[in-house]
Amino acid sequence: MLVDTGFAGNAAAAPSPAAAGPAPTAGAPAAPPAVGRDAERILAVLKQANVTVLDYLVITHYHGDHVGGAADLASRIPIRNFVDHGPYTVELQPNRSAGFVAYRTVRDRARAIVPKPGDQLPIAGLDVLVVSSASALMTTPIPGAPAAGAPNPLCRNARLKVPDPTPENTESIGLVVRYGNFRLLNLGDLTWNQEHQLVCPDNLLGTFDVFHTTRHGDPNSGAPQMVHALRARIAVMNNGERKGGAPEYWQMVRDAPGLGDLWQLHRSAAGAATHNSPEQFLANLNETDHGHHLKLSARADGSFVMTNERTQFTKEYPERATRATRTSAP
């Protein structure tokens, strides 16, 4: 089960079939007027999954919307292992470091794992592979992954971008989560040029069932030479009403070969009528009455179900050998 909740969708709980699994990132800081808001939302979802202890909390990087709620969450539920890119941040400006400073108070007293690309998180029932961390990337194809190692023709005319001044994003821990034949990619806020490196000249990642969009749908990420090479069946955009959800990113994902649906955590104000998915694929219509989540339930044969908690609209995606889909609404 994957759940996006918290500020702009930066918390994802993913209980494994056999244990309390990884929960990548922990939402925004608990500050007025939302004291404890994000931790409460994460706990509500974990309660639905009957999770009372987290084995792993993955902090993708140290921007406040990804780490700011970690200390609050740790005060409410036992966490056996924190997974992060190391005890430092490359953005120490006072207006950028608050989330990291709050997290350090917990990290210094906890068990922290700092993985390298190619490392696996030992979670029963799941194969969780680290493909990026601390600005380092995998340099060889993922063994056994479909289409991994194949030349990528999209690299031929691919362009790079001048990085924007938020280098903490380059430190992001990126994960490939596999459950049987089901594959999901979550690269945190990894940047455009790093995405390029992972698929050019050869696609080291392979193809996926689900692509969890990078950087909330911000155009400083989302290199089409990567996103289109993934051939994901669906994408899940962890955007806010006014965070990410850029029309050009949305359109690039929507045009990806093989994509069936694009689910969004929020309707994008910038997307207006032309660059938002139909309402049944939107967990939240605004940021006034929000906090609804998207739920993904995967099966080992590669099939999965998406549920919009706000409307209870569901859509089933069968294993790749079957093309038909079934939908239901209350």
Protein backbone atom coordinates (compact mmCIF):
# COMPACT_ATOMS: atom_id res chain seq x y z
CA MET A 1 0.00 0.00 0.00
CA LEU A 2 1.30 3.44 -0.94
CA VAL A 3 -0.29 6.48 0.64
CA ASP A 4 0.43 10.11 -0.14
CA THR A 5 -0.47 12.43 2.72
CA GLY A 6 0.95 15.37 4.59
CA PHE A 7 1.96 18.71 3.09
CA ALA A 8 1.89 18.58 -0.72
CA GLY A 9 1.95 14.80 -0.61
CA ASN A 10 5.42 14.26 0.71
CA ALA A 11 4.67 11.37 3.05
CA ALA A 12 4.17 7.88 1.73
CA ALA A 13 3.45 4.86 3.90
CA ALA A 14 4.24 1.52 2.29
CA PRO A 15 3.58 -1.41 4.64
CA SER A 16 5.07 -4.63 3.27
CA PRO A 17 3.06 -7.86 3.00
CA ALA A 18 4.89 -9.30 5.99
CA ALA A 19 5.90 -6.37 8.20
CA ALA A 20 5.70 -2.66 8.81
CA GLY A 21 7.54 -1.41 5.78
CA PRO A 22 9.16 1.82 4.67
CA ALA A 23 7.44 5.17 5.02
CA PRO A 24 9.33 7.52 2.68
CA THR A 25 9.47 11.11 3.96
CA ALA A 26 7.50 12.74 6.72
CA GLY A 27 5.70 15.85 5.54
CA ALA A 28 5.86 19.43 6.69
CA PRO A 29 6.87 20.68 10.12
CA ALA A 30 4.25 20.68 12.85
CA ALA A 31 3.73 24.43 13.18
CA PRO A 32 0.70 26.65 13.69
CA PRO A 33 -1.94 26.52 12.44
CA ALA A 34 -1.32 22.85 11.67
CA VAL A 35 0.30 21.61 14.89
CA GLY A 36 0.69 17.85 14.52
CA ARG A 37 -1.38 17.85 11.34
CA ASP A 38 0.93 15.79 9.17
CA ALA A 39 1.85 13.25 11.83
CA GLU A 40 -1.83 12.75 12.57
CA ARG A 41 -2.58 12.08 8.91
CA ILE A 42 0.26 9.58 8.60
CA LEU A 43 -0.80 7.82 11.79
CA ALA A 44 -4.39 7.59 10.58
CA VAL A 45 -3.24 5.81 7.44
CA LEU A 46 -0.90 3.49 9.36
CA LYS A 47 -3.79 2.62 11.68
CA GLN A 48 -5.88 1.58 8.68
CA ALA A 49 -3.02 -0.77 7.73
CA ASN A 50 -2.73 -2.10 11.31
CA VAL A 51 0.84 -0.79 11.58
CA THR A 52 1.91 0.03 15.14
CA VAL A 53 5.70 0.12 14.63
CA LEU A 54 7.63 1.45 11.63
CA ASP A 55 10.62 -0.66 10.70
CA TYR A 56 11.99 1.99 8.32
CA LEU A 57 11.37 5.68 7.82
CA VAL A 58 13.04 6.87 4.62
CA ILE A 59 13.90 10.58 4.62
CA THR A 60 14.50 11.28 0.95
CA HIS A 61 16.23 14.63 1.66
CA TYR A 62 16.17 17.50 4.12
CA HIS A 63 13.80 20.07 2.71
CA GLY A 64 11.15 20.94 5.28
CA ASP A 65 8.28 19.50 3.27
CA HIS A 66 10.00 16.10 3.32
CA VAL A 67 11.63 15.97 6.77
CA GLY A 68 9.92 18.64 8.87
CA GLY A 69 7.38 16.28 10.44
CA ALA A 70 9.84 13.46 11.23
CA ALA A 71 10.49 14.45 14.85
CA ASP A 72 6.77 14.82 15.53
CA LEU A 73 6.06 11.42 13.96
CA ALA A 74 8.85 9.79 16.00
CA SER A 75 7.24 11.08 19.21
CA ARG A 76 4.01 9.26 18.34
CA ILE A 77 5.07 5.87 16.95
CA PRO A 78 8.17 3.67 17.43
CA ILE A 79 10.58 3.83 14.47
CA ARG A 80 13.28 1.16 14.38
CA ASN A 81 15.41 2.57 11.56
CA PHE A 82 15.79 5.94 9.88
CA VAL A 83 17.17 5.90 6.34
CA ASP A 84 18.71 9.12 5.02
CA HIS A 85 21.58 10.49 2.93
CA GLY A 86 23.80 11.35 5.92
CA PRO A 87 24.13 13.77 8.86
CA TYR A 88 24.48 16.95 6.80
CA THR A 89 22.60 19.30 4.51
CA VAL A 90 24.03 21.39 1.69
CA GLU A 91 21.53 24.17 2.41
CA LEU A 92 22.36 25.75 5.76
CA GLN A 93 20.66 29.09 5.17
CA PRO A 94 18.35 29.90 8.12
CA ASN A 95 15.27 29.81 5.90
CA ARG A 96 16.22 26.40 4.46
CA SER A 97 17.67 24.35 7.33
CA ALA A 98 14.86 24.29 9.92
CA GLY A 99 13.59 20.85 8.89
CA PHE A 100 17.06 19.33 9.07
CA VAL A 101 17.78 20.94 12.46
CA ALA A 102 14.56 19.51 13.92
CA TYR A 103 15.30 16.06 12.48
CA ARG A 104 18.84 16.02 13.92
CA THR A 105 17.41 16.05 17.46
CA VAL A 106 15.85 12.67 16.70
CA ARG A 107 18.52 11.27 14.38
CA ASP A 108 21.29 11.76 16.95
CA ARG A 109 19.47 9.38 19.33
CA ALA A 110 18.19 6.87 16.76
CA ARG A 111 19.55 4.18 14.47
CA ALA A 112 20.27 5.82 11.13
CA ILE A 113 21.16 3.93 7.96
CA VAL A 114 22.98 5.77 5.16
CA PRO A 115 22.65 3.62 2.05
CA LYS A 116 24.59 3.80 -1.18
CA PRO A 117 23.14 3.27 -4.65
CA GLY A 118 22.80 -0.46 -5.18
CA ASP A 119 22.02 -1.20 -1.53
CA GLN A 120 18.82 -3.02 -0.56
CA LEU A 121 16.61 -2.33 2.45
CA PRO A 122 16.00 -5.72 4.15
CA ILE A 123 12.20 -5.63 4.27
CA ALA A 124 10.36 -8.93 4.38
CA GLY A 125 8.18 -9.50 1.33
CA LEU A 126 9.51 -6.51 -0.65
CA ASP A 127 12.55 -5.82 -2.80
CA VAL A 128 13.53 -2.20 -2.06
CA LEU A 129 16.56 -1.02 -4.03
CA VAL A 130 18.31 2.32 -3.54
CA VAL A 131 19.19 3.89 -6.90
CA SER A 132 20.27 7.35 -5.71
CA SER A 133 21.59 8.84 -2.48
CA ALA A 134 23.86 11.73 -1.45
CA SER A 135 24.19 12.88 -5.09
CA ALA A 136 25.45 9.44 -6.16
CA LEU A 137 23.55 7.35 -8.73
CA MET A 138 23.46 3.75 -9.87
CA THR A 139 25.83 3.20 -12.78
CA THR A 140 24.85 -0.31 -13.85
CA PRO A 141 21.49 -1.77 -14.95
CA ILE A 142 19.20 -3.18 -12.27
CA PRO A 143 19.65 -6.97 -12.51
CA GLY A 144 16.56 -8.77 -13.78
CA ALA A 145 14.50 -5.60 -14.27
CA PRO A 146 12.43 -5.53 -17.48
CA ALA A 147 14.22 -3.56 -20.23
CA ALA A 148 17.03 -2.51 -17.88
CA GLY A 149 20.27 -1.98 -19.79
CA ALA A 150 18.59 -1.39 -23.13
CA PRO A 151 19.80 1.54 -25.26
CA ASN A 152 17.50 4.54 -24.90
CA PRO A 153 16.76 6.22 -28.26
CA LEU A 154 15.22 9.19 -26.43
CA CYS A 155 18.72 10.24 -25.39
CA ARG A 156 19.66 11.14 -28.94
CA ASN A 157 18.17 14.64 -28.84
CA ALA A 158 17.86 14.96 -25.07
CA ARG A 159 18.77 18.24 -23.44
CA LEU A 160 20.10 19.07 -19.98
CA LYS A 161 19.14 21.99 -17.71
CA VAL A 162 21.06 24.53 -15.69
CA PRO A 163 20.41 23.47 -12.06
CA ASP A 164 18.35 25.79 -9.88
CA PRO A 165 19.79 26.91 -6.48
CA THR A 166 18.28 24.09 -4.38
CA PRO A 167 21.14 21.55 -4.28
CA GLU A 168 19.60 19.56 -1.42
CA ASN A 169 17.31 18.03 -4.04
CA THR A 170 20.32 16.35 -5.66
CA GLU A 171 20.91 14.44 -2.41
CA SER A 172 17.54 12.65 -2.69
CA ILE A 173 17.27 8.96 -1.91
CA GLY A 174 15.57 7.29 -4.85
CA LEU A 175 13.90 3.88 -4.50
CA VAL A 176 12.74 1.09 -6.76
CA VAL A 177 10.12 -0.96 -4.90
CA ARG A 178 9.31 -4.41 -6.28
CA TYR A 179 6.63 -6.80 -5.04
CA GLY A 180 6.66 -9.89 -7.24
CA ASN A 181 6.02 -8.56 -10.75
CA PHE A 182 4.88 -5.14 -9.52
CA ARG A 183 7.41 -2.28 -9.80
CA LEU A 184 7.22 1.30 -8.51
CA LEU A 185 9.74 4.14 -8.90
CA ASN A 186 10.06 6.99 -6.37
CA LEU A 187 13.06 9.29 -6.87
CA GLY A 188 12.11 11.95 -4.33
CA ASP A 189 13.07 15.39 -5.67
CA LEU A 190 15.91 14.19 -7.88
CA THR A 191 16.81 16.69 -10.59
CA TRP A 192 16.39 16.67 -14.38
CA ASN A 193 20.09 16.08 -15.09
CA GLN A 194 20.30 13.20 -12.61
CA GLU A 195 17.22 11.59 -14.18
CA HIS A 196 19.03 11.86 -17.50
CA GLN A 197 22.08 10.06 -16.10
CA LEU A 198 19.94 7.13 -14.93
CA VAL A 199 18.60 6.40 -18.41
CA CYS A 200 21.22 7.72 -20.87
CA PRO A 201 22.71 6.34 -22.98
CA ASP A 202 21.18 3.13 -21.59
CA ASN A 203 18.07 2.80 -19.42
CA LEU A 204 19.48 1.48 -16.14
CA LEU A 205 16.11 1.45 -14.38
CA GLY A 206 13.89 -0.51 -16.77
CA THR A 207 10.11 -0.20 -17.03
CA PHE A 208 7.53 0.25 -14.27
CA ASP A 209 3.93 -0.10 -13.31
CA VAL A 210 3.85 3.12 -11.28
CA PHE A 211 5.92 6.30 -11.53
CA HIS A 212 5.75 8.55 -8.46
CA THR A 213 6.54 11.90 -10.05
CA THR A 214 9.74 13.73 -9.15
CA ARG A 215 9.66 17.03 -7.29
CA HIS A 216 5.87 17.32 -7.19
CA GLY A 217 5.68 17.99 -10.92
CA ASP A 218 8.14 20.88 -10.94
CA PRO A 219 9.81 21.54 -14.34
CA ASN A 220 13.31 21.46 -12.80
CA SER A 221 12.74 17.70 -12.77
CA GLY A 222 10.85 15.41 -15.12
CA ALA A 223 13.29 14.79 -17.95
CA PRO A 224 11.19 13.24 -20.72
CA GLN A 225 14.07 10.98 -21.79
CA MET A 226 13.58 9.26 -18.43
CA VAL A 227 9.85 9.53 -17.85
CA HIS A 228 8.96 8.28 -21.32
CA ALA A 229 11.51 5.44 -21.12
CA LEU A 230 9.84 4.11 -17.94
CA ARG A 231 6.67 3.18 -19.86
CA ALA A 232 4.74 3.37 -16.58
CA ARG A 233 1.13 2.25 -16.58
CA ILE A 234 0.12 5.10 -14.28
CA ALA A 235 1.77 8.11 -12.67
CA VAL A 236 1.01 9.54 -9.23
CA MET A 237 1.78 13.26 -8.91
CA ASN A 238 2.44 14.38 -5.33
CA ASN A 239 1.61 18.02 -5.99
CA GLY A 240 -0.09 20.73 -3.98
CA GLU A 241 -2.63 23.20 -5.26
CA ARG A 242 0.19 25.70 -5.81
CA LYS A 243 3.24 23.49 -5.40
CA GLY A 244 4.43 21.60 -8.45
CA GLY A 245 1.76 20.47 -10.87
CA ALA A 246 3.31 22.59 -13.62
CA PRO A 247 1.34 22.38 -16.88
CA GLU A 248 4.45 21.46 -18.92
CA TYR A 249 5.37 18.66 -16.51
CA TRP A 250 1.78 17.39 -16.44
CA GLN A 251 1.60 17.33 -20.23
CA MET A 252 4.96 15.57 -20.55
CA VAL A 253 3.77 12.80 -18.21
CA ARG A 254 0.37 12.61 -19.89
CA ASP A 255 2.12 12.09 -23.26
CA ALA A 256 4.34 9.26 -21.95
CA PRO A 257 4.13 6.05 -24.01
CA GLY A 258 1.92 3.43 -22.40
CA LEU A 259 0.55 5.70 -19.68
CA GLY A 260 -3.02 4.89 -18.73
CA ASP A 261 -3.86 7.40 -16.01
CA LEU A 262 -2.32 10.32 -14.15
CA TRP A 263 -3.47 10.52 -10.51
CA GLN A 264 -2.90 13.76 -8.59
CA LEU A 265 -2.84 14.56 -4.90
CA HIS A 266 -4.30 18.01 -5.58
CA ARG A 267 -5.93 19.85 -8.42
CA SER A 268 -3.25 22.18 -9.75
CA ALA A 269 -4.20 25.86 -9.84
CA ALA A 270 -1.68 26.44 -12.63
CA GLY A 271 -3.09 23.51 -14.60
CA ALA A 272 -6.56 25.08 -14.80
CA ALA A 273 -9.05 23.20 -16.99
CA THR A 274 -6.57 21.84 -19.54
CA HIS A 275 -3.78 20.37 -17.40
CA ASN A 276 -5.54 18.50 -14.61
CA SER A 277 -6.84 14.94 -14.64
CA PRO A 278 -10.58 14.25 -14.37
CA GLU A 279 -11.92 14.87 -10.88
CA GLN A 280 -12.15 11.19 -9.91
CA PHE A 281 -8.32 11.03 -10.18
CA LEU A 282 -7.80 14.03 -7.84
CA ALA A 283 -7.50 13.30 -4.12
CA ASN A 284 -8.00 16.96 -3.14
CA LEU A 285 -9.74 19.75 -5.01
CA ASN A 286 -8.13 22.57 -2.98
CA GLU A 287 -5.94 23.20 0.05
CA THR A 288 -8.73 24.47 2.28
CA ASP A 289 -10.72 21.27 2.64
CA HIS A 290 -8.03 18.68 2.02
CA GLY A 291 -5.96 15.93 3.63
CA HIS A 292 -7.41 13.12 1.51
CA HIS A 293 -5.08 10.44 0.25
CA LEU A 294 -4.58 8.03 -2.62
CA LYS A 295 -4.19 4.35 -1.84
CA LEU A 296 -2.39 1.82 -4.00
CA SER A 297 -2.85 -1.88 -3.28
CA ALA A 298 -0.46 -4.10 -5.25
CA ARG A 299 -0.47 -7.83 -5.91
CA ALA A 300 2.50 -10.07 -6.66
CA ASP A 301 1.24 -10.83 -10.18
CA GLY A 302 1.75 -7.15 -11.07
CA SER A 303 -1.89 -6.11 -10.87
CA PHE A 304 -2.91 -3.29 -8.54
CA VAL A 305 -5.82 -1.13 -7.44
CA MET A 306 -5.92 2.64 -6.95
CA THR A 307 -8.45 4.21 -4.57
CA ASN A 308 -9.33 7.87 -4.13
CA GLU A 309 -10.09 8.17 -0.40
CA ARG A 310 -12.10 11.36 -0.92
CA THR A 311 -14.64 9.81 -3.29
CA GLN A 312 -14.00 6.05 -2.87
CA PHE A 313 -13.57 5.88 -6.64
CA THR A 314 -11.43 2.85 -7.48
CA LYS A 315 -9.74 1.60 -10.59
CA GLU A 316 -8.19 -1.81 -11.05
CA TYR A 317 -5.17 -2.38 -13.26
CA PRO A 318 -4.73 -6.05 -14.16
CA GLU A 319 -1.41 -7.74 -14.76
CA ARG A 320 0.27 -6.56 -17.94
CA ALA A 321 -0.85 -9.57 -19.97
CA THR A 322 -4.45 -8.30 -19.71
CA ARG A 323 -5.38 -4.98 -21.31
CA ALA A 324 -8.87 -4.41 -19.89
CA THR A 325 -9.43 -2.37 -16.72
CA ARG A 326 -12.38 -2.28 -14.36
CA THR A 327 -13.62 0.83 -12.62
CA SER A 328 -16.16 1.41 -9.89
CA ALA A 329 -17.57 4.41 -8.07
CA PRO A 330 -19.92 4.71 -5.08
